[in-house]
N, C-alpha and C. Protein backbone atom coordinates (compact mmCIF):
# COMPACT_ATOMS: atom_id res chain seq x y z
N UNK A 1 -34.77 -23.87 98.95
CA UNK A 1 -35.49 -22.59 99.07
C UNK A 1 -37.00 -22.86 99.11
N UNK A 2 -37.66 -22.20 100.05
CA UNK A 2 -39.09 -22.41 100.20
C UNK A 2 -39.84 -21.82 99.00
N UNK A 3 -40.92 -22.45 98.61
CA UNK A 3 -41.71 -21.96 97.46
C UNK A 3 -42.14 -20.52 97.62
N UNK A 4 -42.52 -20.13 98.85
CA UNK A 4 -43.02 -18.77 99.09
C UNK A 4 -41.90 -17.74 98.87
N UNK A 5 -40.69 -18.10 99.38
CA UNK A 5 -39.54 -17.20 99.21
C UNK A 5 -39.17 -17.09 97.73
N UNK A 6 -39.18 -18.22 97.04
CA UNK A 6 -38.87 -18.23 95.61
C UNK A 6 -39.84 -17.36 94.82
N UNK A 7 -41.11 -17.40 95.20
CA UNK A 7 -42.13 -16.61 94.52
C UNK A 7 -41.89 -15.12 94.72
N UNK A 8 -41.49 -14.74 95.97
CA UNK A 8 -41.21 -13.34 96.26
C UNK A 8 -40.02 -12.84 95.43
N UNK A 9 -38.98 -13.67 95.30
CA UNK A 9 -37.81 -13.27 94.53
C UNK A 9 -38.16 -13.07 93.06
N UNK A 10 -39.02 -13.92 92.54
CA UNK A 10 -39.45 -13.79 91.14
C UNK A 10 -40.20 -12.49 90.93
N UNK A 11 -41.08 -12.16 91.89
CA UNK A 11 -41.88 -10.91 91.78
C UNK A 11 -40.96 -9.70 91.85
N UNK A 12 -40.01 -9.72 92.81
CA UNK A 12 -39.09 -8.59 92.96
C UNK A 12 -38.23 -8.43 91.69
N UNK A 13 -37.76 -9.54 91.17
CA UNK A 13 -36.95 -9.50 89.94
C UNK A 13 -37.72 -8.92 88.77
N UNK A 14 -39.00 -9.29 88.66
CA UNK A 14 -39.83 -8.79 87.56
C UNK A 14 -40.01 -7.28 87.68
N UNK A 15 -40.22 -6.81 88.92
CA UNK A 15 -40.40 -5.36 89.14
C UNK A 15 -39.14 -4.60 88.75
N UNK A 16 -37.97 -5.14 89.15
CA UNK A 16 -36.70 -4.49 88.81
C UNK A 16 -36.52 -4.41 87.30
N UNK A 17 -36.86 -5.47 86.60
CA UNK A 17 -36.74 -5.48 85.14
C UNK A 17 -37.67 -4.45 84.50
N UNK A 18 -38.91 -4.37 84.99
CA UNK A 18 -39.87 -3.40 84.45
C UNK A 18 -39.41 -1.97 84.68
N UNK A 19 -38.93 -1.68 85.89
CA UNK A 19 -38.45 -0.34 86.20
C UNK A 19 -37.25 0.02 85.33
N UNK A 20 -36.33 -0.92 85.20
CA UNK A 20 -35.15 -0.68 84.37
C UNK A 20 -35.51 -0.42 82.92
N UNK A 21 -36.48 -1.18 82.42
CA UNK A 21 -36.93 -0.99 81.03
C UNK A 21 -37.55 0.39 80.84
N UNK A 22 -38.41 0.80 81.81
CA UNK A 22 -39.08 2.10 81.72
C UNK A 22 -38.07 3.23 81.74
N UNK A 23 -37.08 3.16 82.64
CA UNK A 23 -36.05 4.20 82.72
C UNK A 23 -35.24 4.24 81.43
N UNK A 24 -34.89 3.08 80.91
CA UNK A 24 -34.12 3.01 79.67
C UNK A 24 -34.86 3.64 78.50
N UNK A 25 -36.17 3.35 78.39
CA UNK A 25 -36.98 3.93 77.31
C UNK A 25 -37.07 5.44 77.45
N UNK A 26 -37.21 5.94 78.68
CA UNK A 26 -37.30 7.39 78.91
C UNK A 26 -36.01 8.08 78.49
N UNK A 27 -34.87 7.53 78.91
CA UNK A 27 -33.58 8.13 78.57
C UNK A 27 -33.33 8.07 77.08
N UNK A 28 -33.72 6.97 76.43
CA UNK A 28 -33.54 6.84 74.99
C UNK A 28 -34.37 7.87 74.23
N UNK A 29 -35.63 8.04 74.65
CA UNK A 29 -36.51 9.01 73.98
C UNK A 29 -35.98 10.43 74.15
N UNK A 30 -35.48 10.73 75.36
CA UNK A 30 -34.96 12.07 75.62
C UNK A 30 -33.76 12.37 74.74
N UNK A 31 -32.84 11.38 74.65
CA UNK A 31 -31.66 11.55 73.81
C UNK A 31 -32.04 11.61 72.34
N UNK A 32 -33.03 10.82 71.94
CA UNK A 32 -33.46 10.80 70.54
C UNK A 32 -34.01 12.15 70.12
N UNK A 33 -34.85 12.76 71.01
CA UNK A 33 -35.42 14.08 70.70
C UNK A 33 -34.33 15.13 70.61
N UNK A 34 -33.36 15.06 71.53
CA UNK A 34 -32.31 16.06 71.58
C UNK A 34 -31.38 15.97 70.38
N UNK A 35 -31.17 14.74 69.91
CA UNK A 35 -30.25 14.54 68.79
C UNK A 35 -30.92 14.49 67.43
N UNK A 36 -32.23 14.73 67.41
CA UNK A 36 -32.97 14.57 66.15
C UNK A 36 -32.39 15.43 65.04
N UNK A 37 -32.02 16.68 65.38
CA UNK A 37 -31.44 17.57 64.38
C UNK A 37 -30.11 17.04 63.87
N UNK A 38 -29.24 16.62 64.82
CA UNK A 38 -27.91 16.18 64.39
C UNK A 38 -27.98 14.87 63.63
N UNK A 39 -28.88 13.97 64.04
CA UNK A 39 -29.01 12.69 63.34
C UNK A 39 -29.47 12.91 61.91
N UNK A 40 -30.42 13.81 61.75
CA UNK A 40 -30.93 14.09 60.41
C UNK A 40 -29.90 14.81 59.58
N UNK A 41 -29.07 15.64 60.22
CA UNK A 41 -28.09 16.44 59.50
C UNK A 41 -26.87 15.65 59.07
N UNK A 42 -26.55 14.61 59.83
CA UNK A 42 -25.25 13.97 59.67
C UNK A 42 -24.96 13.53 58.24
N UNK A 43 -25.96 13.08 57.52
CA UNK A 43 -25.69 12.57 56.18
C UNK A 43 -25.98 13.56 55.07
N UNK A 44 -26.29 14.81 55.42
CA UNK A 44 -26.65 15.78 54.40
C UNK A 44 -25.51 16.73 54.11
N UNK A 45 -25.15 16.91 52.85
CA UNK A 45 -24.10 17.88 52.53
C UNK A 45 -24.62 19.28 52.73
N UNK A 46 -23.71 20.22 52.96
CA UNK A 46 -24.09 21.62 53.17
C UNK A 46 -24.20 22.32 51.83
N UNK A 47 -25.26 22.01 51.08
CA UNK A 47 -25.44 22.61 49.77
C UNK A 47 -26.81 23.23 49.67
N UNK A 48 -26.93 24.20 48.78
CA UNK A 48 -28.18 24.94 48.66
C UNK A 48 -29.30 24.13 48.04
N UNK A 49 -28.99 22.93 47.47
CA UNK A 49 -30.08 22.14 46.87
C UNK A 49 -30.90 21.43 47.93
N UNK A 50 -30.59 21.63 49.22
CA UNK A 50 -31.40 21.06 50.28
C UNK A 50 -32.61 21.94 50.60
N UNK A 51 -32.76 23.04 49.91
CA UNK A 51 -33.84 23.97 50.20
C UNK A 51 -34.76 24.14 49.01
N UNK A 52 -36.02 24.48 49.30
CA UNK A 52 -36.98 24.72 48.23
C UNK A 52 -37.04 26.19 47.85
N UNK A 53 -36.26 27.04 48.56
CA UNK A 53 -36.27 28.44 48.23
C UNK A 53 -35.56 28.65 46.92
N UNK A 54 -35.86 29.74 46.19
CA UNK A 54 -35.28 29.95 44.87
C UNK A 54 -33.77 30.01 44.94
N UNK A 55 -33.10 29.46 43.91
CA UNK A 55 -31.65 29.48 43.89
C UNK A 55 -31.11 30.80 43.38
N UNK A 56 -31.94 31.61 42.82
CA UNK A 56 -31.51 32.91 42.33
C UNK A 56 -31.38 33.91 43.45
N UNK A 57 -31.04 35.13 43.13
CA UNK A 57 -30.87 36.14 44.17
C UNK A 57 -31.62 37.39 43.83
N UNK A 58 -31.76 38.25 44.83
CA UNK A 58 -32.38 39.53 44.62
C UNK A 58 -31.29 40.57 44.49
N UNK A 59 -31.66 41.83 44.56
CA UNK A 59 -30.72 42.92 44.46
C UNK A 59 -30.92 43.88 45.60
N UNK A 60 -29.85 44.24 46.30
CA UNK A 60 -29.95 45.18 47.40
C UNK A 60 -30.01 46.59 46.85
N UNK A 61 -30.24 47.56 47.75
CA UNK A 61 -30.33 48.95 47.31
C UNK A 61 -29.00 49.46 46.80
N UNK A 62 -27.89 48.78 47.14
CA UNK A 62 -26.58 49.20 46.66
C UNK A 62 -26.25 48.59 45.30
N UNK A 63 -27.13 47.68 44.81
CA UNK A 63 -26.90 47.06 43.52
C UNK A 63 -26.22 45.72 43.63
N UNK A 64 -25.85 45.29 44.85
CA UNK A 64 -25.18 44.01 45.03
C UNK A 64 -26.19 42.88 45.05
N UNK A 65 -25.80 41.72 44.55
CA UNK A 65 -26.68 40.56 44.52
C UNK A 65 -26.85 39.98 45.91
N UNK A 66 -28.08 39.65 46.29
CA UNK A 66 -28.37 39.08 47.60
C UNK A 66 -29.00 37.71 47.40
N UNK A 67 -28.36 36.66 47.85
CA UNK A 67 -28.87 35.30 47.66
C UNK A 67 -30.07 35.05 48.56
N UNK A 68 -31.07 34.33 48.01
CA UNK A 68 -32.25 33.97 48.80
C UNK A 68 -32.20 32.50 49.21
N UNK A 69 -31.14 31.78 48.82
CA UNK A 69 -31.01 30.37 49.17
C UNK A 69 -30.35 30.21 50.53
N UNK A 70 -30.59 29.08 51.17
CA UNK A 70 -29.93 28.78 52.43
C UNK A 70 -28.42 28.73 52.18
N UNK A 71 -27.60 29.20 53.11
CA UNK A 71 -26.14 29.20 52.88
C UNK A 71 -25.64 27.83 52.46
N UNK A 72 -24.70 27.81 51.52
CA UNK A 72 -24.19 26.54 50.99
C UNK A 72 -22.89 26.11 51.65
N UNK A 73 -22.31 26.98 52.47
CA UNK A 73 -21.06 26.64 53.14
C UNK A 73 -21.29 26.41 54.63
N UNK A 74 -20.42 25.64 55.24
CA UNK A 74 -20.57 25.28 56.65
C UNK A 74 -20.59 26.50 57.55
N UNK A 75 -19.69 27.44 57.29
CA UNK A 75 -19.61 28.64 58.13
C UNK A 75 -20.89 29.46 58.05
N UNK A 76 -21.45 29.55 56.82
CA UNK A 76 -22.69 30.31 56.64
C UNK A 76 -23.85 29.67 57.39
N UNK A 77 -23.90 28.33 57.38
CA UNK A 77 -24.96 27.61 58.10
C UNK A 77 -24.80 27.80 59.60
N UNK A 78 -23.55 27.75 60.08
CA UNK A 78 -23.28 27.95 61.50
C UNK A 78 -23.73 29.34 61.96
N UNK A 79 -23.47 30.34 61.13
CA UNK A 79 -23.88 31.70 61.48
C UNK A 79 -25.40 31.80 61.59
N UNK A 80 -26.10 31.11 60.67
CA UNK A 80 -27.56 31.12 60.71
C UNK A 80 -28.05 30.40 61.97
N UNK A 81 -27.45 29.27 62.31
CA UNK A 81 -27.86 28.53 63.50
C UNK A 81 -27.55 29.32 64.78
N UNK A 82 -26.42 30.02 64.80
CA UNK A 82 -26.10 30.88 65.95
C UNK A 82 -27.14 31.99 66.09
N UNK A 83 -27.53 32.55 64.95
CA UNK A 83 -28.55 33.61 64.94
C UNK A 83 -29.87 33.07 65.46
N UNK A 84 -30.23 31.87 65.05
CA UNK A 84 -31.46 31.24 65.53
C UNK A 84 -31.42 31.03 67.05
N UNK A 85 -30.28 30.53 67.55
CA UNK A 85 -30.13 30.30 68.99
C UNK A 85 -30.36 31.58 69.78
N UNK A 86 -29.84 32.69 69.25
CA UNK A 86 -29.96 33.96 69.96
C UNK A 86 -31.34 34.59 69.78
N UNK A 87 -31.86 34.53 68.56
CA UNK A 87 -33.12 35.21 68.24
C UNK A 87 -34.34 34.37 68.61
N UNK A 88 -34.26 33.06 68.36
CA UNK A 88 -35.37 32.15 68.61
C UNK A 88 -34.85 30.91 69.36
N UNK A 89 -34.59 31.05 70.67
CA UNK A 89 -33.94 29.98 71.45
C UNK A 89 -34.72 28.67 71.54
N UNK A 90 -35.96 28.64 71.08
CA UNK A 90 -36.74 27.40 71.11
C UNK A 90 -36.96 26.83 69.70
N UNK A 91 -36.14 27.30 68.76
CA UNK A 91 -36.36 26.89 67.36
C UNK A 91 -36.13 25.40 67.14
N UNK A 92 -35.24 24.77 67.92
CA UNK A 92 -34.90 23.36 67.71
C UNK A 92 -35.59 22.49 68.75
N UNK A 93 -36.82 22.09 68.44
CA UNK A 93 -37.58 21.20 69.32
C UNK A 93 -37.65 21.73 70.75
N UNK A 94 -37.79 23.06 70.86
CA UNK A 94 -37.96 23.66 72.18
C UNK A 94 -36.69 24.11 72.86
N UNK A 95 -35.53 23.96 72.18
CA UNK A 95 -34.29 24.39 72.80
C UNK A 95 -33.32 24.87 71.72
N UNK A 96 -32.13 25.29 72.11
CA UNK A 96 -31.12 25.76 71.17
C UNK A 96 -30.21 24.61 70.73
N UNK A 97 -29.52 24.82 69.63
CA UNK A 97 -28.53 23.84 69.16
C UNK A 97 -27.23 23.98 69.96
N UNK A 98 -26.88 25.23 70.26
CA UNK A 98 -25.72 25.52 71.11
C UNK A 98 -24.43 24.84 70.61
N UNK A 99 -24.22 24.93 69.30
CA UNK A 99 -23.01 24.38 68.67
C UNK A 99 -22.84 22.87 68.92
N UNK A 100 -23.94 22.18 69.11
CA UNK A 100 -23.89 20.74 69.34
C UNK A 100 -23.78 19.96 68.05
N UNK A 101 -24.07 18.64 68.13
CA UNK A 101 -24.00 17.79 66.94
C UNK A 101 -24.95 18.31 65.87
N UNK A 102 -24.49 18.34 64.64
CA UNK A 102 -25.30 18.88 63.55
C UNK A 102 -25.00 20.33 63.28
N UNK A 103 -24.09 20.93 64.05
CA UNK A 103 -23.72 22.33 63.87
C UNK A 103 -23.00 22.50 62.54
N UNK A 104 -23.58 23.30 61.66
CA UNK A 104 -22.99 23.51 60.34
C UNK A 104 -23.56 22.62 59.26
N UNK A 105 -24.56 21.79 59.61
CA UNK A 105 -25.21 20.93 58.62
C UNK A 105 -26.66 21.35 58.42
N UNK A 106 -27.20 20.99 57.25
CA UNK A 106 -28.59 21.33 56.93
C UNK A 106 -29.46 20.11 57.18
N UNK A 107 -30.17 20.10 58.29
CA UNK A 107 -31.12 19.04 58.60
C UNK A 107 -32.54 19.55 58.44
N UNK A 108 -33.53 18.73 58.68
CA UNK A 108 -34.92 19.15 58.48
C UNK A 108 -35.32 20.33 59.35
N UNK A 109 -34.77 20.42 60.58
CA UNK A 109 -35.14 21.53 61.45
C UNK A 109 -34.48 22.84 61.02
N UNK A 110 -33.22 22.76 60.58
CA UNK A 110 -32.56 23.95 60.05
C UNK A 110 -33.25 24.40 58.76
N UNK A 111 -33.61 23.44 57.93
CA UNK A 111 -34.32 23.75 56.68
C UNK A 111 -35.65 24.43 56.97
N UNK A 112 -36.39 23.88 57.93
CA UNK A 112 -37.68 24.45 58.30
C UNK A 112 -37.50 25.85 58.86
N UNK A 113 -36.45 26.04 59.68
CA UNK A 113 -36.18 27.36 60.26
C UNK A 113 -35.83 28.37 59.17
N UNK A 114 -35.10 27.91 58.14
CA UNK A 114 -34.75 28.82 57.05
C UNK A 114 -36.01 29.24 56.30
N UNK A 115 -36.89 28.29 56.04
CA UNK A 115 -38.14 28.62 55.34
C UNK A 115 -38.97 29.64 56.14
N UNK A 116 -38.87 29.55 57.47
CA UNK A 116 -39.65 30.44 58.33
C UNK A 116 -38.97 31.78 58.58
N UNK A 117 -37.67 31.73 58.88
CA UNK A 117 -36.97 32.93 59.31
C UNK A 117 -35.90 33.41 58.34
N UNK A 118 -35.73 32.73 57.22
CA UNK A 118 -34.66 33.07 56.28
C UNK A 118 -34.72 34.50 55.78
N UNK A 119 -35.92 34.98 55.45
CA UNK A 119 -36.06 36.35 54.93
C UNK A 119 -35.65 37.36 55.99
N UNK A 120 -36.05 37.12 57.24
CA UNK A 120 -35.67 38.01 58.33
C UNK A 120 -34.16 38.01 58.54
N UNK A 121 -33.57 36.83 58.48
CA UNK A 121 -32.12 36.71 58.66
C UNK A 121 -31.38 37.46 57.56
N UNK A 122 -31.80 37.27 56.31
CA UNK A 122 -31.14 37.95 55.18
C UNK A 122 -31.24 39.46 55.34
N UNK A 123 -32.41 39.94 55.78
CA UNK A 123 -32.60 41.38 55.94
C UNK A 123 -31.65 41.95 57.00
N UNK A 124 -31.47 41.20 58.09
CA UNK A 124 -30.58 41.67 59.16
C UNK A 124 -29.11 41.61 58.76
N UNK A 125 -28.75 40.60 57.95
CA UNK A 125 -27.36 40.42 57.56
C UNK A 125 -26.95 41.26 56.36
N UNK A 126 -27.91 41.76 55.59
CA UNK A 126 -27.59 42.53 54.38
C UNK A 126 -26.87 43.82 54.75
N UNK A 127 -25.88 44.23 53.95
CA UNK A 127 -25.19 45.50 54.20
C UNK A 127 -26.17 46.66 54.18
N UNK A 128 -26.08 47.51 55.17
CA UNK A 128 -26.98 48.66 55.26
C UNK A 128 -26.43 49.82 54.43
N UNK A 129 -27.26 50.37 53.55
CA UNK A 129 -26.78 51.48 52.73
C UNK A 129 -26.47 52.72 53.57
N UNK A 130 -25.43 53.43 53.19
CA UNK A 130 -25.06 54.65 53.90
C UNK A 130 -25.79 55.83 53.29
N UNK A 131 -25.50 57.03 53.79
CA UNK A 131 -26.18 58.22 53.29
C UNK A 131 -25.94 58.45 51.81
N UNK A 132 -24.77 58.03 51.32
CA UNK A 132 -24.46 58.18 49.90
C UNK A 132 -25.19 57.14 49.06
N UNK A 133 -25.74 56.12 49.74
CA UNK A 133 -26.40 55.04 49.02
C UNK A 133 -25.48 53.86 48.76
N UNK A 134 -24.20 53.98 49.12
CA UNK A 134 -23.24 52.90 48.94
C UNK A 134 -23.11 52.10 50.23
N UNK A 135 -23.27 50.79 50.15
CA UNK A 135 -23.12 49.94 51.33
C UNK A 135 -21.64 49.74 51.65
N UNK A 136 -21.35 49.56 52.91
CA UNK A 136 -19.98 49.32 53.33
C UNK A 136 -19.41 48.08 52.65
N UNK A 137 -18.22 48.21 52.10
CA UNK A 137 -17.56 47.09 51.46
C UNK A 137 -17.87 46.91 49.99
N UNK A 138 -18.84 47.66 49.46
CA UNK A 138 -19.21 47.50 48.06
C UNK A 138 -18.10 48.01 47.15
N UNK A 139 -17.95 47.37 45.98
CA UNK A 139 -16.95 47.80 45.00
C UNK A 139 -17.50 48.98 44.20
N UNK A 140 -16.65 49.97 44.01
CA UNK A 140 -17.07 51.19 43.31
C UNK A 140 -16.27 51.38 42.03
N UNK A 141 -16.94 51.94 41.03
CA UNK A 141 -16.32 52.21 39.74
C UNK A 141 -16.34 53.71 39.47
N UNK A 142 -15.30 54.19 38.82
CA UNK A 142 -15.25 55.61 38.46
C UNK A 142 -16.20 55.91 37.30
N UNK A 143 -16.83 57.06 37.37
CA UNK A 143 -17.70 57.48 36.27
C UNK A 143 -16.90 58.25 35.22
N UNK A 144 -15.67 58.63 35.57
CA UNK A 144 -14.77 59.35 34.65
C UNK A 144 -13.43 58.61 34.64
N UNK A 145 -12.56 58.93 33.71
CA UNK A 145 -11.27 58.23 33.64
C UNK A 145 -10.38 58.43 34.87
N UNK A 146 -10.57 59.55 35.58
CA UNK A 146 -9.67 59.85 36.70
C UNK A 146 -10.41 60.67 37.76
N UNK A 147 -9.96 60.50 39.01
CA UNK A 147 -10.48 61.32 40.11
C UNK A 147 -9.36 61.59 41.10
N UNK A 148 -9.35 62.77 41.65
CA UNK A 148 -8.35 63.15 42.65
C UNK A 148 -8.73 62.55 43.99
N UNK A 149 -7.73 62.04 44.70
CA UNK A 149 -7.93 61.51 46.05
C UNK A 149 -7.43 62.54 47.05
N UNK A 150 -8.16 62.65 48.18
CA UNK A 150 -7.84 63.69 49.16
C UNK A 150 -7.59 63.07 50.54
N UNK A 151 -6.76 63.77 51.32
CA UNK A 151 -6.45 63.30 52.67
C UNK A 151 -7.57 63.63 53.66
N UNK A 152 -8.41 64.60 53.32
CA UNK A 152 -9.62 64.91 54.08
C UNK A 152 -10.65 65.49 53.12
N UNK A 153 -11.92 65.44 53.49
CA UNK A 153 -12.99 65.79 52.54
C UNK A 153 -13.13 67.28 52.25
N UNK A 154 -12.20 67.76 51.45
CA UNK A 154 -12.25 69.17 51.04
C UNK A 154 -11.46 69.35 49.76
N UNK A 155 -12.06 70.01 48.79
CA UNK A 155 -11.37 70.26 47.53
C UNK A 155 -10.22 71.24 47.75
N UNK A 156 -9.17 71.04 46.97
CA UNK A 156 -8.04 71.97 47.08
C UNK A 156 -6.72 71.24 47.02
N UNK A 157 -5.71 71.97 46.56
CA UNK A 157 -4.39 71.38 46.39
C UNK A 157 -3.77 70.95 47.71
N UNK A 158 -4.14 71.61 48.80
CA UNK A 158 -3.52 71.29 50.09
C UNK A 158 -3.92 69.90 50.61
N UNK A 159 -5.08 69.42 50.20
CA UNK A 159 -5.54 68.10 50.67
C UNK A 159 -5.43 67.02 49.60
N UNK A 160 -5.10 67.38 48.37
CA UNK A 160 -4.97 66.41 47.29
C UNK A 160 -3.68 65.61 47.47
N UNK A 161 -3.79 64.28 47.38
CA UNK A 161 -2.60 63.45 47.57
C UNK A 161 -2.25 62.60 46.36
N UNK A 162 -3.11 62.58 45.36
CA UNK A 162 -2.82 61.77 44.18
C UNK A 162 -4.06 61.54 43.34
N UNK A 163 -3.97 60.62 42.40
CA UNK A 163 -5.07 60.34 41.49
C UNK A 163 -5.47 58.87 41.52
N UNK A 164 -6.76 58.64 41.34
CA UNK A 164 -7.31 57.30 41.17
C UNK A 164 -7.72 57.18 39.71
N UNK A 165 -7.30 56.10 39.05
CA UNK A 165 -7.58 55.94 37.63
C UNK A 165 -8.55 54.79 37.38
N UNK A 166 -9.35 54.93 36.35
CA UNK A 166 -10.21 53.85 35.90
C UNK A 166 -9.40 52.93 34.99
N UNK A 167 -9.38 51.64 35.35
CA UNK A 167 -8.62 50.67 34.56
C UNK A 167 -9.58 49.61 34.05
N UNK A 168 -10.00 49.75 32.80
CA UNK A 168 -10.94 48.80 32.21
C UNK A 168 -12.22 48.71 33.03
N UNK A 169 -12.65 47.46 33.28
CA UNK A 169 -13.88 47.26 34.05
C UNK A 169 -13.63 46.84 35.48
N UNK A 170 -12.41 47.07 35.97
CA UNK A 170 -12.09 46.69 37.35
C UNK A 170 -12.52 47.78 38.33
N UNK A 171 -12.90 47.40 39.54
CA UNK A 171 -13.31 48.41 40.53
C UNK A 171 -12.16 49.37 40.84
N UNK A 172 -12.49 50.63 41.05
CA UNK A 172 -11.47 51.64 41.36
C UNK A 172 -11.31 51.85 42.85
N UNK A 173 -12.33 51.45 43.62
CA UNK A 173 -12.27 51.69 45.07
C UNK A 173 -13.24 50.77 45.79
N UNK A 174 -13.07 50.69 47.10
CA UNK A 174 -13.98 49.93 47.96
C UNK A 174 -14.53 50.86 49.04
N UNK A 175 -15.83 50.86 49.19
CA UNK A 175 -16.49 51.76 50.13
C UNK A 175 -16.15 51.43 51.58
N UNK A 176 -15.79 52.47 52.35
CA UNK A 176 -15.58 52.32 53.79
C UNK A 176 -16.76 52.93 54.55
N UNK A 177 -17.00 54.23 54.33
CA UNK A 177 -18.09 54.91 55.02
C UNK A 177 -18.30 56.29 54.42
N UNK A 178 -19.43 56.90 54.78
CA UNK A 178 -19.67 58.28 54.40
C UNK A 178 -18.76 59.19 55.23
N UNK A 179 -18.31 60.26 54.63
CA UNK A 179 -17.54 61.25 55.37
C UNK A 179 -18.49 62.18 56.12
N UNK A 180 -17.96 62.91 57.06
CA UNK A 180 -18.79 63.88 57.79
C UNK A 180 -19.26 65.00 56.88
N UNK A 181 -18.45 65.34 55.89
CA UNK A 181 -18.81 66.38 54.94
C UNK A 181 -19.78 65.81 53.90
N UNK A 182 -20.83 66.54 53.65
CA UNK A 182 -21.85 66.09 52.71
C UNK A 182 -21.27 65.91 51.31
N UNK A 183 -21.63 64.77 50.67
CA UNK A 183 -21.20 64.51 49.31
C UNK A 183 -19.85 63.83 49.20
N UNK A 184 -19.23 63.50 50.34
CA UNK A 184 -17.93 62.86 50.34
C UNK A 184 -18.01 61.48 50.95
N UNK A 185 -17.14 60.59 50.46
CA UNK A 185 -17.06 59.24 51.01
C UNK A 185 -15.61 58.87 51.29
N UNK A 186 -15.42 57.95 52.20
CA UNK A 186 -14.09 57.43 52.51
C UNK A 186 -13.97 56.05 51.88
N UNK A 187 -12.88 55.81 51.16
CA UNK A 187 -12.73 54.56 50.42
C UNK A 187 -11.31 54.02 50.54
N UNK A 188 -11.17 52.70 50.22
CA UNK A 188 -9.86 52.12 49.95
C UNK A 188 -9.65 52.23 48.45
N UNK A 189 -8.50 52.69 48.03
CA UNK A 189 -8.25 52.80 46.59
C UNK A 189 -6.75 52.77 46.32
N UNK A 190 -6.44 52.41 45.08
CA UNK A 190 -5.05 52.47 44.62
C UNK A 190 -4.81 53.88 44.12
N UNK A 191 -3.95 54.60 44.83
CA UNK A 191 -3.71 56.01 44.53
C UNK A 191 -2.30 56.20 43.99
N UNK A 192 -2.21 56.87 42.86
CA UNK A 192 -0.91 57.21 42.30
C UNK A 192 -0.53 58.61 42.77
N UNK A 193 0.48 58.68 43.63
CA UNK A 193 0.94 59.99 44.09
C UNK A 193 1.80 60.65 43.01
N UNK A 194 2.37 59.79 42.16
CA UNK A 194 3.11 60.27 40.99
C UNK A 194 2.72 59.40 39.81
N UNK A 195 2.47 60.01 38.68
CA UNK A 195 1.96 59.26 37.53
C UNK A 195 2.92 58.19 37.03
N UNK A 196 4.21 58.35 37.28
CA UNK A 196 5.18 57.38 36.78
C UNK A 196 5.49 56.29 37.81
N UNK A 197 4.72 56.23 38.89
CA UNK A 197 4.93 55.22 39.92
C UNK A 197 3.67 54.37 40.09
N UNK A 198 3.84 53.12 40.58
CA UNK A 198 2.65 52.27 40.81
C UNK A 198 1.76 52.87 41.88
N UNK A 199 0.50 52.51 41.81
CA UNK A 199 -0.44 53.01 42.81
C UNK A 199 -0.23 52.35 44.17
N UNK A 200 -0.60 53.05 45.22
CA UNK A 200 -0.51 52.54 46.58
C UNK A 200 -1.90 52.44 47.19
N UNK A 201 -2.18 51.31 47.82
CA UNK A 201 -3.48 51.14 48.47
C UNK A 201 -3.53 52.00 49.74
N UNK A 202 -4.52 52.84 49.84
CA UNK A 202 -4.65 53.71 51.01
C UNK A 202 -6.10 54.14 51.21
N UNK A 203 -6.37 54.63 52.41
CA UNK A 203 -7.70 55.17 52.72
C UNK A 203 -7.69 56.65 52.35
N UNK A 204 -8.65 57.04 51.52
CA UNK A 204 -8.71 58.42 51.05
C UNK A 204 -10.16 58.89 50.98
N UNK A 205 -10.32 60.19 50.81
CA UNK A 205 -11.64 60.79 50.65
C UNK A 205 -11.82 61.20 49.19
N UNK A 206 -13.03 60.95 48.67
CA UNK A 206 -13.33 61.30 47.29
C UNK A 206 -14.78 61.79 47.20
N UNK A 207 -15.11 62.57 46.19
CA UNK A 207 -16.50 62.99 45.99
C UNK A 207 -17.36 61.78 45.61
N UNK A 208 -18.48 61.60 46.28
CA UNK A 208 -19.34 60.43 46.04
C UNK A 208 -19.89 60.42 44.62
N UNK A 209 -20.14 61.60 44.06
CA UNK A 209 -20.74 61.68 42.73
C UNK A 209 -19.85 61.12 41.63
N UNK A 210 -18.56 60.96 41.94
CA UNK A 210 -17.62 60.47 40.93
C UNK A 210 -17.59 58.95 40.83
N UNK A 211 -18.40 58.28 41.68
CA UNK A 211 -18.36 56.81 41.72
C UNK A 211 -19.75 56.21 41.56
N UNK A 212 -19.76 54.96 41.13
CA UNK A 212 -21.01 54.22 40.95
C UNK A 212 -20.77 52.73 41.27
N UNK A 213 -21.84 52.02 41.54
CA UNK A 213 -21.72 50.57 41.76
C UNK A 213 -21.89 49.80 40.45
N UNK A 214 -22.25 50.50 39.40
CA UNK A 214 -22.47 49.84 38.10
C UNK A 214 -21.15 49.76 37.32
N UNK A 215 -20.87 48.53 36.90
CA UNK A 215 -19.66 48.30 36.13
C UNK A 215 -19.77 48.95 34.76
N UNK A 216 -18.78 49.74 34.34
CA UNK A 216 -18.87 50.43 33.04
C UNK A 216 -18.76 49.46 31.87
């Protein structure tokens, strides 16, 4: 092989190596940035001690405790990350997580997002109080030993279907929604249609004033 030809091959080979190295570095950096959240998350357990926010909780208008800590369960973290993807699509290094690697784990970017948007997320996710002041799903306690349950929101023997009883400190009903009639609510409750028979779980209407969220 002539020296001149050999020299050309060496130059061409060097160029190919340099180009290959540059492309490899670019692809590696791109993948590294994209996976930064998942790489950081992979070794972190989904526990609330990964956050600097207070571990205690506040109180909603319905009296229920509202946690201010980052969710400690995988499903709760996933819901927060889904919310971030929809509400702030550039929260993760300029793009969404989109259920990718690190989904359901607490990494530095999820932690930072919670510190920034956690209060907003909690406010949106908190049960909204109804006109009666009771949030949907809240446990209700009777203020008296007994209350009549009705098939529709109107006092009278024609709509009365049984009785709801207070049993120690256990909830007597679960809030569903306000009724169309003022002062009435729709609840799930154990109703005794006959005093000598066990109660049956059913949806009924009751006067809102007869119930409270405070445990007696």
